[in-house]
Structure formats: structure tokens, C-alpha cells
Amino acid sequence: MTNGNEELRQLSGSDFTSLGLQQIAYVRPVSVDAEGAKGFAVHAADGTQLAVMGALDLAHAAILENDMHLVNVH
């Protein structure tokens, strides 16, 4: 058993849940104003909204620029 495996075994449930939170993000379409203009919200793995962009490619680029991994959510 490696030291890394032992460290993972010692994590509390809440620590394990937050593992990787800072590295994973996803994008959701959103309405950005009362007239229904569309945008794309970037969210952290826990659902916290990080940013809103006007275009999907900009949202993806922001995730990659911040050294995060984009994941698909179904």
C-alpha cells in the first residue's frame, strides 16, 4: 500500500466529498436578463456558480484557462 492510498483511507466523509472540487467544472445554459437573453453559467463540482459567459465556447475556454477539467453532466 502506498502512502497516498493510506492518506485517502484517512479522509473523513466530508473531506472525501470535496476531493477535486477545485479542479472540476460544468456549464449550464441560463437566462441572463428579464428579456430572456441566453448565457452559459460555469459551475464548480458542488454546484456553486463561478461565472456567466455569453457564449458556450467562452465558458469552456474559461474552465480550461483556470486549469479546471470540464465534465459532462447528464
N, C-alpha and C. Protein backbone atom coordinates (compact mmCIF):
# COMPACT_ATOMS: atom_id res chain seq x y z
N MET A 1 0.85 -1.18 0.00
CA MET A 1 0.00 0.00 0.00
C MET A 1 0.89 1.24 0.00
N THR A 2 0.57 2.17 -0.86
CA THR A 2 1.36 3.40 -0.92
C THR A 2 0.87 4.41 0.10
N ASN A 3 1.69 5.40 0.39
CA ASN A 3 1.33 6.46 1.33
C ASN A 3 0.09 7.21 0.87
N GLY A 4 -0.05 7.45 -0.44
CA GLY A 4 -1.21 8.14 -0.98
C GLY A 4 -2.50 7.38 -0.71
N ASN A 5 -2.46 6.06 -0.85
CA ASN A 5 -3.65 5.26 -0.55
C ASN A 5 -4.01 5.37 0.92
N GLU A 6 -3.03 5.35 1.78
CA GLU A 6 -3.29 5.45 3.22
C GLU A 6 -3.91 6.81 3.55
N GLU A 7 -3.43 7.87 2.92
CA GLU A 7 -4.00 9.20 3.15
C GLU A 7 -5.46 9.25 2.73
N LEU A 8 -5.80 8.61 1.60
CA LEU A 8 -7.19 8.58 1.15
C LEU A 8 -8.07 7.83 2.14
N ARG A 9 -7.55 6.76 2.71
CA ARG A 9 -8.33 5.97 3.68
C ARG A 9 -8.62 6.77 4.95
N GLN A 10 -7.80 7.77 5.25
CA GLN A 10 -7.96 8.55 6.47
C GLN A 10 -8.90 9.76 6.30
N LEU A 11 -9.35 10.03 5.07
CA LEU A 11 -10.22 11.17 4.82
C LEU A 11 -11.59 10.97 5.48
N SER A 12 -12.12 12.04 6.04
CA SER A 12 -13.48 12.00 6.56
C SER A 12 -14.45 12.00 5.38
N GLY A 13 -15.72 11.71 5.64
CA GLY A 13 -16.72 11.72 4.58
C GLY A 13 -16.83 13.07 3.90
N SER A 14 -16.81 14.15 4.68
CA SER A 14 -16.91 15.48 4.07
C SER A 14 -15.65 15.85 3.30
N ASP A 15 -14.48 15.42 3.78
CA ASP A 15 -13.24 15.67 3.04
C ASP A 15 -13.26 14.92 1.72
N PHE A 16 -13.75 13.68 1.75
CA PHE A 16 -13.80 12.89 0.52
C PHE A 16 -14.76 13.51 -0.49
N THR A 17 -15.89 14.03 0.00
CA THR A 17 -16.88 14.67 -0.86
C THR A 17 -16.30 15.87 -1.58
N SER A 18 -15.45 16.64 -0.90
CA SER A 18 -14.89 17.85 -1.50
C SER A 18 -13.61 17.59 -2.31
N LEU A 19 -13.16 16.36 -2.34
CA LEU A 19 -11.95 16.00 -3.08
C LEU A 19 -12.13 16.34 -4.56
N GLY A 20 -11.28 17.17 -5.10
CA GLY A 20 -11.34 17.54 -6.51
C GLY A 20 -12.28 18.69 -6.83
N LEU A 21 -12.93 19.27 -5.83
CA LEU A 21 -13.88 20.35 -6.09
C LEU A 21 -13.27 21.50 -6.85
N GLN A 22 -12.04 21.82 -6.58
CA GLN A 22 -11.39 22.97 -7.21
C GLN A 22 -10.92 22.67 -8.63
N GLN A 23 -10.99 21.41 -9.06
CA GLN A 23 -10.49 21.06 -10.38
C GLN A 23 -11.57 20.70 -11.40
N ILE A 24 -12.81 20.58 -10.97
CA ILE A 24 -13.88 20.11 -11.86
C ILE A 24 -14.94 21.19 -12.03
N ALA A 25 -15.39 21.38 -13.27
CA ALA A 25 -16.44 22.37 -13.55
C ALA A 25 -17.36 21.85 -14.65
N TYR A 26 -18.57 22.41 -14.67
CA TYR A 26 -19.51 22.10 -15.75
C TYR A 26 -20.23 23.37 -16.15
N VAL A 27 -20.92 23.32 -17.29
CA VAL A 27 -21.59 24.50 -17.86
C VAL A 27 -23.08 24.20 -18.02
N ARG A 28 -23.91 25.20 -17.69
CA ARG A 28 -25.35 25.09 -17.87
C ARG A 28 -25.86 26.32 -18.61
N PRO A 29 -26.82 26.14 -19.52
CA PRO A 29 -27.44 27.31 -20.16
C PRO A 29 -28.32 28.03 -19.14
N VAL A 30 -28.32 29.36 -19.18
CA VAL A 30 -29.12 30.17 -18.25
C VAL A 30 -29.70 31.37 -18.99
N SER A 31 -30.76 31.95 -18.41
CA SER A 31 -31.28 33.25 -18.86
C SER A 31 -30.55 34.31 -18.06
N VAL A 32 -30.05 35.34 -18.74
CA VAL A 32 -29.24 36.34 -18.04
C VAL A 32 -29.97 37.65 -17.76
N ASP A 33 -31.18 37.82 -18.31
CA ASP A 33 -31.93 39.03 -18.01
C ASP A 33 -33.42 38.77 -18.15
N ALA A 34 -34.23 39.80 -17.85
CA ALA A 34 -35.69 39.67 -17.86
C ALA A 34 -36.24 39.42 -19.26
N GLU A 35 -35.51 39.83 -20.29
CA GLU A 35 -35.96 39.60 -21.67
C GLU A 35 -35.67 38.19 -22.16
N GLY A 36 -34.96 37.40 -21.35
CA GLY A 36 -34.68 36.01 -21.72
C GLY A 36 -33.42 35.80 -22.52
N ALA A 37 -32.51 36.77 -22.51
CA ALA A 37 -31.23 36.58 -23.20
C ALA A 37 -30.53 35.37 -22.61
N LYS A 38 -29.91 34.59 -23.46
CA LYS A 38 -29.27 33.35 -23.03
C LYS A 38 -27.79 33.55 -22.74
N GLY A 39 -27.29 32.79 -21.80
CA GLY A 39 -25.88 32.76 -21.46
C GLY A 39 -25.52 31.37 -20.99
N PHE A 40 -24.30 31.21 -20.53
CA PHE A 40 -23.82 29.91 -20.07
C PHE A 40 -23.11 30.10 -18.74
N ALA A 41 -23.65 29.46 -17.71
CA ALA A 41 -23.08 29.57 -16.37
C ALA A 41 -22.06 28.47 -16.14
N VAL A 42 -20.90 28.84 -15.62
CA VAL A 42 -19.86 27.89 -15.24
C VAL A 42 -20.05 27.59 -13.75
N HIS A 43 -20.13 26.30 -13.42
CA HIS A 43 -20.35 25.87 -12.04
C HIS A 43 -19.21 24.97 -11.56
N ALA A 44 -18.86 25.09 -10.29
CA ALA A 44 -17.92 24.17 -9.65
C ALA A 44 -18.64 22.83 -9.44
N ALA A 45 -17.89 21.81 -9.11
CA ALA A 45 -18.45 20.48 -8.93
C ALA A 45 -19.57 20.44 -7.90
N ASP A 46 -19.54 21.32 -6.91
CA ASP A 46 -20.58 21.33 -5.88
C ASP A 46 -21.80 22.15 -6.27
N GLY A 47 -21.81 22.71 -7.48
CA GLY A 47 -22.94 23.49 -7.96
C GLY A 47 -22.79 24.99 -7.79
N THR A 48 -21.74 25.44 -7.14
CA THR A 48 -21.51 26.87 -6.95
C THR A 48 -21.28 27.53 -8.31
N GLN A 49 -22.06 28.58 -8.61
CA GLN A 49 -21.86 29.30 -9.86
C GLN A 49 -20.60 30.15 -9.77
N LEU A 50 -19.72 29.99 -10.75
CA LEU A 50 -18.45 30.71 -10.77
C LEU A 50 -18.46 31.90 -11.72
N ALA A 51 -19.17 31.77 -12.83
CA ALA A 51 -19.17 32.83 -13.84
C ALA A 51 -20.32 32.61 -14.81
N VAL A 52 -20.67 33.66 -15.56
CA VAL A 52 -21.64 33.56 -16.64
C VAL A 52 -21.00 34.16 -17.88
N MET A 53 -21.05 33.42 -18.98
CA MET A 53 -20.46 33.85 -20.24
C MET A 53 -21.55 33.96 -21.30
N GLY A 54 -21.30 34.77 -22.31
CA GLY A 54 -22.26 34.96 -23.38
C GLY A 54 -22.26 33.87 -24.42
N ALA A 55 -21.21 33.05 -24.45
CA ALA A 55 -21.11 32.01 -25.46
C ALA A 55 -20.53 30.74 -24.84
N LEU A 56 -20.97 29.60 -25.34
CA LEU A 56 -20.52 28.32 -24.81
C LEU A 56 -19.02 28.13 -24.95
N ASP A 57 -18.46 28.52 -26.09
CA ASP A 57 -17.02 28.34 -26.28
C ASP A 57 -16.21 29.20 -25.29
N LEU A 58 -16.74 30.36 -24.92
CA LEU A 58 -16.06 31.19 -23.91
C LEU A 58 -16.11 30.53 -22.53
N ALA A 59 -17.23 29.91 -22.21
CA ALA A 59 -17.36 29.21 -20.93
C ALA A 59 -16.36 28.05 -20.86
N HIS A 60 -16.27 27.29 -21.94
CA HIS A 60 -15.30 26.18 -21.99
C HIS A 60 -13.88 26.71 -21.87
N ALA A 61 -13.57 27.79 -22.58
CA ALA A 61 -12.22 28.36 -22.53
C ALA A 61 -11.88 28.86 -21.13
N ALA A 62 -12.85 29.45 -20.43
CA ALA A 62 -12.60 29.94 -19.06
C ALA A 62 -12.26 28.78 -18.13
N ILE A 63 -12.95 27.67 -18.30
CA ILE A 63 -12.65 26.49 -17.47
C ILE A 63 -11.23 26.00 -17.73
N LEU A 64 -10.88 25.85 -18.97
CA LEU A 64 -9.54 25.36 -19.32
C LEU A 64 -8.45 26.35 -18.91
N GLU A 65 -8.71 27.64 -19.07
CA GLU A 65 -7.74 28.66 -18.71
C GLU A 65 -7.43 28.66 -17.21
N ASN A 66 -8.41 28.23 -16.42
CA ASN A 66 -8.23 28.19 -14.97
C ASN A 66 -7.81 26.82 -14.48
N ASP A 67 -7.23 26.03 -15.38
CA ASP A 67 -6.69 24.70 -15.05
C ASP A 67 -7.72 23.78 -14.41
N MET A 68 -8.96 23.88 -14.87
CA MET A 68 -10.02 23.01 -14.39
C MET A 68 -10.35 22.00 -15.48
N HIS A 69 -11.05 20.95 -15.11
CA HIS A 69 -11.47 19.92 -16.05
C HIS A 69 -12.96 20.08 -16.30
N LEU A 70 -13.33 20.13 -17.57
CA LEU A 70 -14.72 20.24 -17.96
C LEU A 70 -15.32 18.84 -17.97
N VAL A 71 -16.46 18.67 -17.29
CA VAL A 71 -17.13 17.37 -17.29
C VAL A 71 -18.53 17.52 -17.83
N ASN A 72 -19.04 16.46 -18.43
CA ASN A 72 -20.41 16.41 -18.91
C ASN A 72 -21.30 15.93 -17.79
N VAL A 73 -22.44 16.58 -17.61
CA VAL A 73 -23.39 16.18 -16.60
C VAL A 73 -24.68 15.80 -17.34
N HIS A 74 -25.19 14.64 -17.07
CA HIS A 74 -26.41 14.17 -17.77
C HIS A 74 -27.59 14.27 -16.87
